[in-house]
Amino acid sequence: MNADLKQKLTALLLEKSFRYNPEPVFKLASGRMSNYYIDCRKTTHSCAGKHIIGNLILGLIADTGVQAVGGLTMGADPIACAVSYAAHERGLSIASFSIRKEPKAHGMQQQVEGDVKAGDRVFILEDVVTTGGSTIKAIEAARREGLEVLGVVALVDREEGGREEILKHVSSLTALCTASELQKACGAA
């Protein structure tokens, strides 16, 4: 992984996305309370974030034969677009796609939207891995569409068991950052 880009990503996550409080005041999607919260959308929707994230992830997956990247909407959408754009800038063709939580109830009734077809080799992208539940749903939805899931790339691993759960479904999971790295960098560890 490009150390300079990783350092820039860590700084950007700390500036825009990471919130810490000595008391557990942040309610997570699981319902559990935490003393820190990571809202990656503040980073993934920024111009600098898109550039850094797109190039970091592309550096990890470019030589794998990947044809597309995507994950659950909304968290994975800007990440997938950033990777696809970074690939295009290097003369590579990596499409992006989105996975709805449920198939649409009208039209083509699709759950996976984008420039992908059965047989394509893909990486599932995630902003924050906590329990792994949403990532596993994305993996399963992609496989139902006939996509070959090569692995998962996440921006942040909260290190709360999600990695282990996800690795029961795919052979690789790479996190660009961990919660402990962010806590250490902000002096909260």
N, C-alpha and C. Protein backbone atom coordinates (compact mmCIF):
# COMPACT_ATOMS: atom_id res chain seq x y z
N MET A 1 0.85 -1.17 0.00
CA MET A 1 0.00 0.00 0.00
C MET A 1 0.90 1.24 0.00
N ASN A 2 0.53 2.23 -0.77
CA ASN A 2 1.28 3.47 -0.87
C ASN A 2 1.25 4.20 0.48
N ALA A 3 2.41 4.28 1.14
CA ALA A 3 2.48 4.84 2.49
C ALA A 3 2.09 6.32 2.53
N ASP A 4 2.48 7.08 1.51
CA ASP A 4 2.15 8.51 1.47
C ASP A 4 0.64 8.72 1.36
N LEU A 5 0.00 7.96 0.47
CA LEU A 5 -1.45 8.07 0.33
C LEU A 5 -2.17 7.60 1.59
N LYS A 6 -1.65 6.54 2.23
CA LYS A 6 -2.29 6.06 3.46
C LYS A 6 -2.20 7.13 4.55
N GLN A 7 -1.06 7.79 4.66
CA GLN A 7 -0.90 8.86 5.65
C GLN A 7 -1.88 10.00 5.37
N LYS A 8 -2.06 10.33 4.08
CA LYS A 8 -3.01 11.38 3.72
C LYS A 8 -4.44 10.96 4.03
N LEU A 9 -4.76 9.68 3.78
CA LEU A 9 -6.10 9.19 4.10
C LEU A 9 -6.35 9.26 5.60
N THR A 10 -5.38 8.83 6.39
CA THR A 10 -5.54 8.87 7.85
C THR A 10 -5.79 10.30 8.32
N ALA A 11 -5.02 11.25 7.80
CA ALA A 11 -5.20 12.66 8.18
C ALA A 11 -6.58 13.16 7.77
N LEU A 12 -7.03 12.80 6.58
CA LEU A 12 -8.33 13.25 6.10
C LEU A 12 -9.47 12.63 6.91
N LEU A 13 -9.35 11.34 7.23
CA LEU A 13 -10.36 10.69 8.07
C LEU A 13 -10.43 11.36 9.44
N LEU A 14 -9.28 11.69 10.01
CA LEU A 14 -9.27 12.36 11.32
C LEU A 14 -9.92 13.73 11.24
N GLU A 15 -9.64 14.45 10.15
CA GLU A 15 -10.19 15.80 9.99
C GLU A 15 -11.70 15.78 9.75
N LYS A 16 -12.15 14.89 8.89
CA LYS A 16 -13.54 14.95 8.42
C LYS A 16 -14.48 13.90 9.02
N SER A 17 -13.97 12.75 9.40
CA SER A 17 -14.85 11.62 9.67
C SER A 17 -14.80 11.03 11.07
N PHE A 18 -13.71 11.18 11.77
CA PHE A 18 -13.52 10.50 13.06
C PHE A 18 -13.92 11.42 14.20
N ARG A 19 -14.81 10.93 15.05
CA ARG A 19 -15.24 11.68 16.23
C ARG A 19 -15.00 10.81 17.46
N TYR A 20 -14.42 11.43 18.51
CA TYR A 20 -14.08 10.70 19.72
C TYR A 20 -14.63 11.45 20.93
N ASN A 21 -15.09 10.69 21.92
CA ASN A 21 -15.51 11.25 23.20
C ASN A 21 -15.11 10.23 24.27
N PRO A 22 -14.56 10.67 25.38
CA PRO A 22 -14.17 9.71 26.43
C PRO A 22 -15.34 8.84 26.90
N GLU A 23 -16.56 9.38 26.81
CA GLU A 23 -17.75 8.62 27.19
C GLU A 23 -18.40 8.03 25.94
N PRO A 24 -19.02 6.87 26.06
CA PRO A 24 -19.67 6.24 24.89
C PRO A 24 -20.99 6.94 24.55
N VAL A 25 -20.92 8.01 23.75
CA VAL A 25 -22.10 8.81 23.42
C VAL A 25 -22.63 8.55 22.01
N PHE A 26 -21.91 7.74 21.22
CA PHE A 26 -22.31 7.51 19.83
C PHE A 26 -23.05 6.18 19.70
N LYS A 27 -24.27 6.24 19.18
CA LYS A 27 -25.05 5.03 18.98
C LYS A 27 -24.75 4.47 17.59
N LEU A 28 -24.32 3.21 17.55
CA LEU A 28 -23.98 2.55 16.30
C LEU A 28 -25.22 1.90 15.69
N ALA A 29 -25.11 1.50 14.42
CA ALA A 29 -26.23 0.85 13.73
C ALA A 29 -26.68 -0.40 14.49
N SER A 30 -25.75 -1.05 15.16
CA SER A 30 -26.08 -2.26 15.93
C SER A 30 -26.89 -1.95 17.19
N GLY A 31 -26.97 -0.65 17.54
CA GLY A 31 -27.64 -0.25 18.77
C GLY A 31 -26.68 -0.07 19.93
N ARG A 32 -25.46 -0.58 19.77
CA ARG A 32 -24.44 -0.47 20.82
C ARG A 32 -23.92 0.96 20.89
N MET A 33 -23.51 1.38 22.06
CA MET A 33 -22.93 2.71 22.26
C MET A 33 -21.41 2.61 22.16
N SER A 34 -20.79 3.65 21.61
CA SER A 34 -19.34 3.65 21.41
C SER A 34 -18.79 5.02 21.78
N ASN A 35 -17.51 5.06 22.14
CA ASN A 35 -16.88 6.35 22.44
C ASN A 35 -16.26 6.99 21.19
N TYR A 36 -16.38 6.33 20.03
CA TYR A 36 -15.94 6.97 18.79
C TYR A 36 -16.89 6.60 17.66
N TYR A 37 -16.92 7.48 16.67
CA TYR A 37 -17.79 7.29 15.51
C TYR A 37 -17.00 7.66 14.26
N ILE A 38 -17.20 6.91 13.20
CA ILE A 38 -16.50 7.18 11.95
C ILE A 38 -17.55 7.33 10.85
N ASP A 39 -17.74 8.56 10.38
CA ASP A 39 -18.67 8.85 9.29
C ASP A 39 -17.85 9.06 8.03
N CYS A 40 -17.55 7.96 7.35
CA CYS A 40 -16.66 8.02 6.19
C CYS A 40 -17.22 8.84 5.04
N ARG A 41 -18.52 9.06 5.00
CA ARG A 41 -19.11 9.81 3.88
C ARG A 41 -18.54 11.22 3.80
N LYS A 42 -18.16 11.79 4.92
CA LYS A 42 -17.54 13.13 4.90
C LYS A 42 -16.22 13.09 4.12
N THR A 43 -15.52 11.99 4.22
CA THR A 43 -14.25 11.82 3.50
C THR A 43 -14.47 11.35 2.08
N THR A 44 -15.33 10.34 1.89
CA THR A 44 -15.49 9.75 0.55
C THR A 44 -16.16 10.70 -0.43
N HIS A 45 -16.90 11.68 0.06
CA HIS A 45 -17.55 12.64 -0.84
C HIS A 45 -16.69 13.89 -1.06
N SER A 46 -15.54 13.98 -0.43
CA SER A 46 -14.66 15.13 -0.66
C SER A 46 -13.78 14.87 -1.88
N CYS A 47 -13.37 15.94 -2.54
CA CYS A 47 -12.51 15.81 -3.72
C CYS A 47 -11.21 15.09 -3.37
N ALA A 48 -10.56 15.54 -2.30
CA ALA A 48 -9.29 14.91 -1.90
C ALA A 48 -9.51 13.45 -1.54
N GLY A 49 -10.59 13.18 -0.83
CA GLY A 49 -10.89 11.80 -0.44
C GLY A 49 -11.05 10.89 -1.64
N LYS A 50 -11.79 11.34 -2.63
CA LYS A 50 -11.99 10.52 -3.84
C LYS A 50 -10.65 10.21 -4.50
N HIS A 51 -9.80 11.22 -4.62
CA HIS A 51 -8.50 11.01 -5.26
C HIS A 51 -7.65 10.01 -4.46
N ILE A 52 -7.54 10.23 -3.18
CA ILE A 52 -6.71 9.37 -2.33
C ILE A 52 -7.25 7.95 -2.30
N ILE A 53 -8.54 7.80 -2.02
CA ILE A 53 -9.15 6.48 -1.90
C ILE A 53 -9.11 5.73 -3.21
N GLY A 54 -9.47 6.40 -4.30
CA GLY A 54 -9.46 5.75 -5.61
C GLY A 54 -8.10 5.19 -5.95
N ASN A 55 -7.06 5.98 -5.73
CA ASN A 55 -5.71 5.54 -6.07
C ASN A 55 -5.17 4.49 -5.11
N LEU A 56 -5.49 4.61 -3.82
CA LEU A 56 -5.06 3.59 -2.85
C LEU A 56 -5.65 2.23 -3.19
N ILE A 57 -6.96 2.19 -3.41
CA ILE A 57 -7.61 0.91 -3.70
C ILE A 57 -7.17 0.38 -5.05
N LEU A 58 -7.07 1.24 -6.04
CA LEU A 58 -6.62 0.78 -7.35
C LEU A 58 -5.24 0.13 -7.25
N GLY A 59 -4.36 0.71 -6.45
CA GLY A 59 -3.03 0.13 -6.26
C GLY A 59 -3.08 -1.27 -5.68
N LEU A 60 -4.11 -1.55 -4.90
CA LEU A 60 -4.25 -2.88 -4.28
C LEU A 60 -4.86 -3.91 -5.21
N ILE A 61 -5.72 -3.49 -6.14
CA ILE A 61 -6.51 -4.46 -6.92
C ILE A 61 -6.23 -4.48 -8.41
N ALA A 62 -5.45 -3.54 -8.92
CA ALA A 62 -5.29 -3.39 -10.37
C ALA A 62 -4.78 -4.65 -11.05
N ASP A 63 -3.96 -5.43 -10.39
CA ASP A 63 -3.35 -6.61 -11.01
C ASP A 63 -4.10 -7.91 -10.72
N THR A 64 -5.35 -7.82 -10.31
CA THR A 64 -6.10 -9.03 -9.93
C THR A 64 -7.03 -9.54 -11.02
N GLY A 65 -7.15 -8.80 -12.11
CA GLY A 65 -8.12 -9.17 -13.14
C GLY A 65 -9.52 -8.68 -12.82
N VAL A 66 -9.64 -7.77 -11.87
CA VAL A 66 -10.94 -7.22 -11.47
C VAL A 66 -11.57 -6.47 -12.65
N GLN A 67 -12.88 -6.63 -12.78
CA GLN A 67 -13.62 -5.95 -13.85
C GLN A 67 -14.56 -4.87 -13.31
N ALA A 68 -14.91 -4.95 -12.03
CA ALA A 68 -15.82 -3.96 -11.45
C ALA A 68 -15.68 -3.94 -9.94
N VAL A 69 -16.09 -2.81 -9.35
CA VAL A 69 -16.07 -2.64 -7.90
C VAL A 69 -17.39 -2.03 -7.47
N GLY A 70 -17.85 -2.42 -6.29
CA GLY A 70 -19.09 -1.85 -5.77
C GLY A 70 -19.44 -2.44 -4.43
N GLY A 71 -20.55 -1.98 -3.91
CA GLY A 71 -21.01 -2.47 -2.62
C GLY A 71 -22.35 -1.86 -2.31
N LEU A 72 -22.74 -1.97 -1.04
CA LEU A 72 -24.05 -1.47 -0.64
C LEU A 72 -24.12 0.04 -0.80
N THR A 73 -25.23 0.48 -1.40
CA THR A 73 -25.48 1.91 -1.50
C THR A 73 -25.86 2.40 -0.11
N MET A 74 -25.44 3.42 0.34
CA MET A 74 -24.78 4.59 -0.13
C MET A 74 -23.29 4.57 0.21
N GLY A 75 -22.92 3.88 1.24
CA GLY A 75 -21.54 3.94 1.71
C GLY A 75 -20.50 3.61 0.67
N ALA A 76 -20.77 2.60 -0.16
CA ALA A 76 -19.77 2.17 -1.14
C ALA A 76 -19.81 2.96 -2.44
N ASP A 77 -20.89 3.69 -2.70
CA ASP A 77 -21.04 4.36 -4.00
C ASP A 77 -19.90 5.32 -4.35
N PRO A 78 -19.57 6.29 -3.49
CA PRO A 78 -18.48 7.20 -3.86
C PRO A 78 -17.13 6.50 -3.93
N ILE A 79 -16.95 5.45 -3.16
CA ILE A 79 -15.70 4.69 -3.19
C ILE A 79 -15.57 3.99 -4.54
N ALA A 80 -16.63 3.33 -4.97
CA ALA A 80 -16.62 2.62 -6.25
C ALA A 80 -16.37 3.57 -7.41
N CYS A 81 -17.03 4.72 -7.38
CA CYS A 81 -16.83 5.70 -8.45
C CYS A 81 -15.39 6.23 -8.45
N ALA A 82 -14.82 6.43 -7.27
CA ALA A 82 -13.44 6.91 -7.17
C ALA A 82 -12.46 5.91 -7.76
N VAL A 83 -12.66 4.63 -7.47
CA VAL A 83 -11.77 3.58 -8.00
C VAL A 83 -11.93 3.49 -9.51
N SER A 84 -13.16 3.51 -10.00
CA SER A 84 -13.41 3.42 -11.43
C SER A 84 -12.77 4.59 -12.17
N TYR A 85 -12.89 5.78 -11.61
CA TYR A 85 -12.30 6.96 -12.22
C TYR A 85 -10.77 6.88 -12.20
N ALA A 86 -10.20 6.47 -11.08
CA ALA A 86 -8.73 6.34 -10.99
C ALA A 86 -8.24 5.33 -12.02
N ALA A 87 -8.98 4.25 -12.21
CA ALA A 87 -8.61 3.24 -13.21
C ALA A 87 -8.63 3.85 -14.60
N HIS A 88 -9.68 4.58 -14.92
CA HIS A 88 -9.80 5.21 -16.23
C HIS A 88 -8.62 6.16 -16.48
N GLU A 89 -8.23 6.91 -15.47
CA GLU A 89 -7.11 7.83 -15.60
C GLU A 89 -5.80 7.10 -15.92
N ARG A 90 -5.72 5.83 -15.57
CA ARG A 90 -4.52 5.02 -15.85
C ARG A 90 -4.70 4.14 -17.08
N GLY A 91 -5.78 4.35 -17.81
CA GLY A 91 -6.02 3.56 -19.02
C GLY A 91 -6.58 2.18 -18.75
N LEU A 92 -7.12 1.96 -17.56
CA LEU A 92 -7.72 0.67 -17.20
C LEU A 92 -9.24 0.79 -17.23
N SER A 93 -9.89 -0.34 -17.38
CA SER A 93 -11.35 -0.35 -17.40
C SER A 93 -11.87 -1.16 -16.21
N ILE A 94 -12.30 -0.46 -15.18
CA ILE A 94 -12.92 -1.09 -14.01
C ILE A 94 -14.24 -0.35 -13.78
N ALA A 95 -15.33 -1.05 -14.01
CA ALA A 95 -16.66 -0.45 -13.86
C ALA A 95 -17.03 -0.35 -12.38
N SER A 96 -18.08 0.41 -12.12
CA SER A 96 -18.59 0.49 -10.75
C SER A 96 -20.05 0.06 -10.74
N PHE A 97 -20.49 -0.41 -9.57
CA PHE A 97 -21.88 -0.82 -9.41
C PHE A 97 -22.33 -0.56 -7.98
N SER A 98 -23.65 -0.54 -7.80
CA SER A 98 -24.26 -0.35 -6.48
C SER A 98 -25.15 -1.53 -6.17
N ILE A 99 -25.24 -1.86 -4.90
CA ILE A 99 -26.12 -2.93 -4.45
C ILE A 99 -27.15 -2.33 -3.50
N ARG A 100 -28.42 -2.47 -3.87
CA ARG A 100 -29.51 -2.01 -3.00
C ARG A 100 -29.67 -2.99 -1.85
N LYS A 101 -30.21 -2.51 -0.74
CA LYS A 101 -30.47 -3.42 0.39
C LYS A 101 -31.50 -4.47 0.00
N GLU A 102 -32.46 -4.07 -0.82
CA GLU A 102 -33.50 -4.98 -1.32
C GLU A 102 -33.68 -4.71 -2.81
N PRO A 103 -34.09 -5.71 -3.60
CA PRO A 103 -34.37 -5.46 -5.02
C PRO A 103 -35.48 -4.42 -5.17
N LYS A 104 -35.40 -3.65 -6.26
CA LYS A 104 -36.45 -2.68 -6.55
C LYS A 104 -37.78 -3.40 -6.70
N ALA A 105 -38.85 -2.76 -6.32
CA ALA A 105 -40.18 -3.36 -6.43
C ALA A 105 -40.83 -3.06 -7.78
N HIS A 106 -40.16 -2.28 -8.63
CA HIS A 106 -40.72 -1.93 -9.94
C HIS A 106 -39.62 -2.02 -11.00
N GLY A 107 -39.98 -1.75 -12.24
CA GLY A 107 -39.01 -1.78 -13.33
C GLY A 107 -38.43 -3.17 -13.51
N MET A 108 -37.12 -3.26 -13.58
CA MET A 108 -36.42 -4.54 -13.77
C MET A 108 -36.26 -5.29 -12.45
N GLN A 109 -36.66 -4.68 -11.36
CA GLN A 109 -36.60 -5.29 -10.02
C GLN A 109 -35.20 -5.79 -9.67
N GLN A 110 -34.22 -4.97 -9.99
CA GLN A 110 -32.83 -5.35 -9.75
C GLN A 110 -32.37 -4.93 -8.36
N GLN A 111 -31.44 -5.71 -7.84
CA GLN A 111 -30.77 -5.34 -6.60
C GLN A 111 -29.39 -4.77 -6.89
N VAL A 112 -28.76 -5.27 -7.95
CA VAL A 112 -27.44 -4.78 -8.36
C VAL A 112 -27.62 -3.88 -9.57
N GLU A 113 -27.13 -2.65 -9.47
CA GLU A 113 -27.26 -1.66 -10.54
C GLU A 113 -25.88 -1.24 -11.00
N GLY A 114 -25.68 -1.14 -12.29
CA GLY A 114 -24.42 -0.66 -12.81
C GLY A 114 -23.98 -1.48 -14.00
N ASP A 115 -22.76 -1.23 -14.43
CA ASP A 115 -22.22 -1.83 -15.64
C ASP A 115 -21.53 -3.16 -15.32
N VAL A 116 -22.31 -4.14 -14.86
CA VAL A 116 -21.79 -5.47 -14.55
C VAL A 116 -22.72 -6.53 -15.11
N LYS A 117 -22.14 -7.71 -15.33
CA LYS A 117 -22.94 -8.84 -15.81
C LYS A 117 -22.42 -10.11 -15.16
N ALA A 118 -23.24 -11.15 -15.19
CA ALA A 118 -22.85 -12.44 -14.61
C ALA A 118 -21.50 -12.86 -15.17
N GLY A 119 -20.65 -13.36 -14.28
CA GLY A 119 -19.32 -13.80 -14.66
C GLY A 119 -18.23 -12.77 -14.41
N ASP A 120 -18.61 -11.50 -14.22
CA ASP A 120 -17.61 -10.46 -13.97
C ASP A 120 -16.91 -10.71 -12.63
N ARG A 121 -15.61 -10.40 -12.61
CA ARG A 121 -14.79 -10.53 -11.41
C ARG A 121 -14.82 -9.19 -10.68
N VAL A 122 -15.26 -9.20 -9.41
CA VAL A 122 -15.50 -7.94 -8.70
C VAL A 122 -14.89 -7.95 -7.30
N PHE A 123 -14.67 -6.76 -6.80
CA PHE A 123 -14.35 -6.55 -5.39
C PHE A 123 -15.53 -5.82 -4.76
N ILE A 124 -15.89 -6.25 -3.57
CA ILE A 124 -16.90 -5.56 -2.78
C ILE A 124 -16.19 -4.50 -1.94
N LEU A 125 -16.73 -3.30 -1.95
CA LEU A 125 -16.16 -2.18 -1.21
C LEU A 125 -17.06 -1.83 -0.03
N GLU A 126 -16.43 -1.37 1.04
CA GLU A 126 -17.17 -1.02 2.26
C GLU A 126 -16.51 0.20 2.88
N ASP A 127 -17.31 1.07 3.48
CA ASP A 127 -16.68 2.21 4.16
C ASP A 127 -16.17 1.81 5.54
N VAL A 128 -17.04 1.27 6.39
CA VAL A 128 -16.62 0.86 7.73
C VAL A 128 -17.09 -0.56 8.01
N VAL A 129 -16.18 -1.42 8.43
CA VAL A 129 -16.53 -2.78 8.83
C VAL A 129 -16.63 -2.82 10.35
N THR A 130 -17.79 -3.23 10.85
CA THR A 130 -17.98 -3.40 12.30
C THR A 130 -18.24 -4.88 12.57
N THR A 131 -19.46 -5.32 12.34
CA THR A 131 -19.80 -6.74 12.55
C THR A 131 -19.63 -7.55 11.27
N GLY A 132 -19.60 -6.87 10.12
CA GLY A 132 -19.48 -7.55 8.83
C GLY A 132 -20.80 -7.88 8.19
N GLY A 133 -21.90 -7.65 8.89
CA GLY A 133 -23.21 -8.04 8.39
C GLY A 133 -23.59 -7.43 7.06
N SER A 134 -23.40 -6.12 6.91
CA SER A 134 -23.78 -5.49 5.64
C SER A 134 -22.85 -5.90 4.51
N THR A 135 -21.59 -6.11 4.81
CA THR A 135 -20.66 -6.57 3.78
C THR A 135 -21.04 -7.96 3.30
N ILE A 136 -21.41 -8.82 4.21
CA ILE A 136 -21.82 -10.19 3.84
C ILE A 136 -23.08 -10.15 2.99
N LYS A 137 -24.02 -9.25 3.30
CA LYS A 137 -25.22 -9.09 2.47
C LYS A 137 -24.83 -8.67 1.06
N ALA A 138 -23.87 -7.78 0.93
CA ALA A 138 -23.41 -7.34 -0.39
C ALA A 138 -22.76 -8.48 -1.15
N ILE A 139 -21.93 -9.27 -0.48
CA ILE A 139 -21.28 -10.42 -1.11
C ILE A 139 -22.34 -11.39 -1.63
N GLU A 140 -23.32 -11.68 -0.79
CA GLU A 140 -24.37 -12.63 -1.18
C GLU A 140 -25.20 -12.11 -2.35
N ALA A 141 -25.54 -10.82 -2.34
CA ALA A 141 -26.31 -10.24 -3.45
C ALA A 141 -25.52 -10.28 -4.75
N ALA A 142 -24.22 -9.97 -4.67
CA ALA A 142 -23.37 -10.01 -5.86
C ALA A 142 -23.31 -11.43 -6.42
N ARG A 143 -23.16 -12.39 -5.56
CA ARG A 143 -23.10 -13.79 -6.02
C ARG A 143 -24.42 -14.25 -6.61
N ARG A 144 -25.54 -13.80 -6.07
CA ARG A 144 -26.84 -14.15 -6.65
C ARG A 144 -26.96 -13.62 -8.08
N GLU A 145 -26.28 -12.52 -8.37
CA GLU A 145 -26.28 -11.95 -9.72
C GLU A 145 -25.26 -12.63 -10.63
N GLY A 146 -24.53 -13.61 -10.09
CA GLY A 146 -23.55 -14.33 -10.88
C GLY A 146 -22.18 -13.69 -10.92
N LEU A 147 -21.94 -12.70 -10.07
CA LEU A 147 -20.64 -12.05 -10.03
C LEU A 147 -19.65 -12.89 -9.24
N GLU A 148 -18.41 -12.90 -9.68
CA GLU A 148 -17.35 -13.62 -8.98
C GLU A 148 -16.66 -12.65 -8.02
N VAL A 149 -16.87 -12.83 -6.73
CA VAL A 149 -16.33 -11.91 -5.73
C VAL A 149 -14.90 -12.33 -5.39
N LEU A 150 -13.95 -11.46 -5.74
CA LEU A 150 -12.54 -11.73 -5.50
C LEU A 150 -12.12 -11.42 -4.07
N GLY A 151 -12.80 -10.48 -3.45
CA GLY A 151 -12.45 -10.08 -2.09
C GLY A 151 -13.16 -8.81 -1.70
N VAL A 152 -12.77 -8.26 -0.57
CA VAL A 152 -13.37 -7.06 -0.01
C VAL A 152 -12.26 -6.06 0.31
N VAL A 153 -12.53 -4.79 0.03
CA VAL A 153 -11.65 -3.71 0.47
C VAL A 153 -12.52 -2.73 1.26
N ALA A 154 -12.07 -2.42 2.48
CA ALA A 154 -12.79 -1.48 3.35
C ALA A 154 -11.90 -0.29 3.65
N LEU A 155 -12.52 0.85 3.86
CA LEU A 155 -11.74 2.01 4.29
C LEU A 155 -11.25 1.82 5.71
N VAL A 156 -12.17 1.45 6.62
CA VAL A 156 -11.82 1.33 8.03
C VAL A 156 -12.38 0.03 8.61
N ASP A 157 -11.55 -0.67 9.34
CA ASP A 157 -11.97 -1.84 10.12
C ASP A 157 -12.03 -1.41 11.58
N ARG A 158 -13.22 -1.47 12.17
CA ARG A 158 -13.38 -1.11 13.58
C ARG A 158 -12.78 -2.16 14.51
N GLU A 159 -12.34 -3.29 13.95
CA GLU A 159 -11.69 -4.36 14.73
C GLU A 159 -12.63 -4.90 15.81
N GLU A 160 -13.88 -5.16 15.40
CA GLU A 160 -14.87 -5.67 16.35
C GLU A 160 -15.46 -7.00 15.88
N GLY A 161 -14.65 -7.78 15.15
CA GLY A 161 -15.09 -9.10 14.74
C GLY A 161 -15.62 -9.21 13.33
N GLY A 162 -15.83 -8.09 12.67
CA GLY A 162 -16.35 -8.11 11.31
C GLY A 162 -15.42 -8.78 10.32
N ARG A 163 -14.13 -8.52 10.45
CA ARG A 163 -13.14 -9.12 9.54
C ARG A 163 -13.27 -10.64 9.56
N GLU A 164 -13.32 -11.20 10.73
CA GLU A 164 -13.39 -12.66 10.86
C GLU A 164 -14.67 -13.21 10.23
N GLU A 165 -15.78 -12.51 10.41
CA GLU A 165 -17.05 -12.95 9.82
C GLU A 165 -17.00 -12.87 8.30
N ILE A 166 -16.47 -11.78 7.77
CA ILE A 166 -16.38 -11.61 6.32
C ILE A 166 -15.48 -12.66 5.70
N LEU A 167 -14.38 -12.98 6.37
CA LEU A 167 -13.44 -13.97 5.82
C LEU A 167 -14.01 -15.38 5.79
N LYS A 168 -15.17 -15.59 6.37
CA LYS A 168 -15.87 -16.87 6.21
C LYS A 168 -16.54 -16.95 4.84
N HIS A 169 -16.62 -15.80 4.15
CA HIS A 169 -17.34 -15.72 2.87
C HIS A 169 -16.43 -15.39 1.68
N VAL A 170 -15.27 -14.81 1.93
CA VAL A 170 -14.31 -14.47 0.87
C VAL A 170 -12.90 -14.78 1.38
N SER A 171 -11.97 -14.86 0.45
CA SER A 171 -10.60 -15.22 0.84
C SER A 171 -9.74 -14.03 1.25
N SER A 172 -10.18 -12.80 0.91
CA SER A 172 -9.34 -11.66 1.28
C SER A 172 -10.18 -10.46 1.69
N LEU A 173 -9.68 -9.76 2.70
CA LEU A 173 -10.25 -8.49 3.13
C LEU A 173 -9.08 -7.58 3.47
N THR A 174 -9.02 -6.45 2.81
CA THR A 174 -7.98 -5.47 3.09
C THR A 174 -8.65 -4.21 3.61
N ALA A 175 -8.20 -3.73 4.75
CA ALA A 175 -8.68 -2.45 5.29
C ALA A 175 -7.58 -1.42 5.12
N LEU A 176 -7.94 -0.26 4.60
CA LEU A 176 -6.96 0.80 4.41
C LEU A 176 -6.51 1.39 5.74
N CYS A 177 -7.37 1.34 6.75
CA CYS A 177 -7.10 1.88 8.08
C CYS A 177 -7.81 1.04 9.12
N THR A 178 -7.35 1.09 10.33
CA THR A 178 -8.07 0.44 11.43
C THR A 178 -8.47 1.50 12.46
N ALA A 179 -9.47 1.16 13.24
CA ALA A 179 -9.91 2.08 14.29
C ALA A 179 -8.78 2.37 15.27
N SER A 180 -7.99 1.36 15.59
CA SER A 180 -6.89 1.59 16.55
C SER A 180 -5.85 2.55 15.96
N GLU A 181 -5.61 2.49 14.66
CA GLU A 181 -4.69 3.44 14.03
C GLU A 181 -5.23 4.87 14.13
N LEU A 182 -6.53 5.03 13.90
CA LEU A 182 -7.14 6.36 13.99
C LEU A 182 -7.12 6.87 15.43
N GLN A 183 -7.43 5.99 16.39
CA GLN A 183 -7.41 6.39 17.79
C GLN A 183 -6.00 6.81 18.22
N LYS A 184 -5.02 6.04 17.79
CA LYS A 184 -3.63 6.37 18.13
C LYS A 184 -3.23 7.70 17.50
N ALA A 185 -3.61 7.90 16.23
CA ALA A 185 -3.23 9.12 15.52
C ALA A 185 -3.86 10.37 16.14
N CYS A 186 -5.03 10.23 16.75
CA CYS A 186 -5.67 11.41 17.37
C CYS A 186 -5.37 11.50 18.86
N GLY A 187 -4.57 10.56 19.38
CA GLY A 187 -4.19 10.60 20.79
C GLY A 187 -5.23 10.02 21.73
N ALA A 188 -6.20 9.27 21.18
CA ALA A 188 -7.26 8.70 22.02
C ALA A 188 -6.94 7.30 22.50
N ALA A 189 -5.86 6.72 22.01
CA ALA A 189 -5.54 5.33 22.38
C ALA A 189 -4.59 5.29 23.55
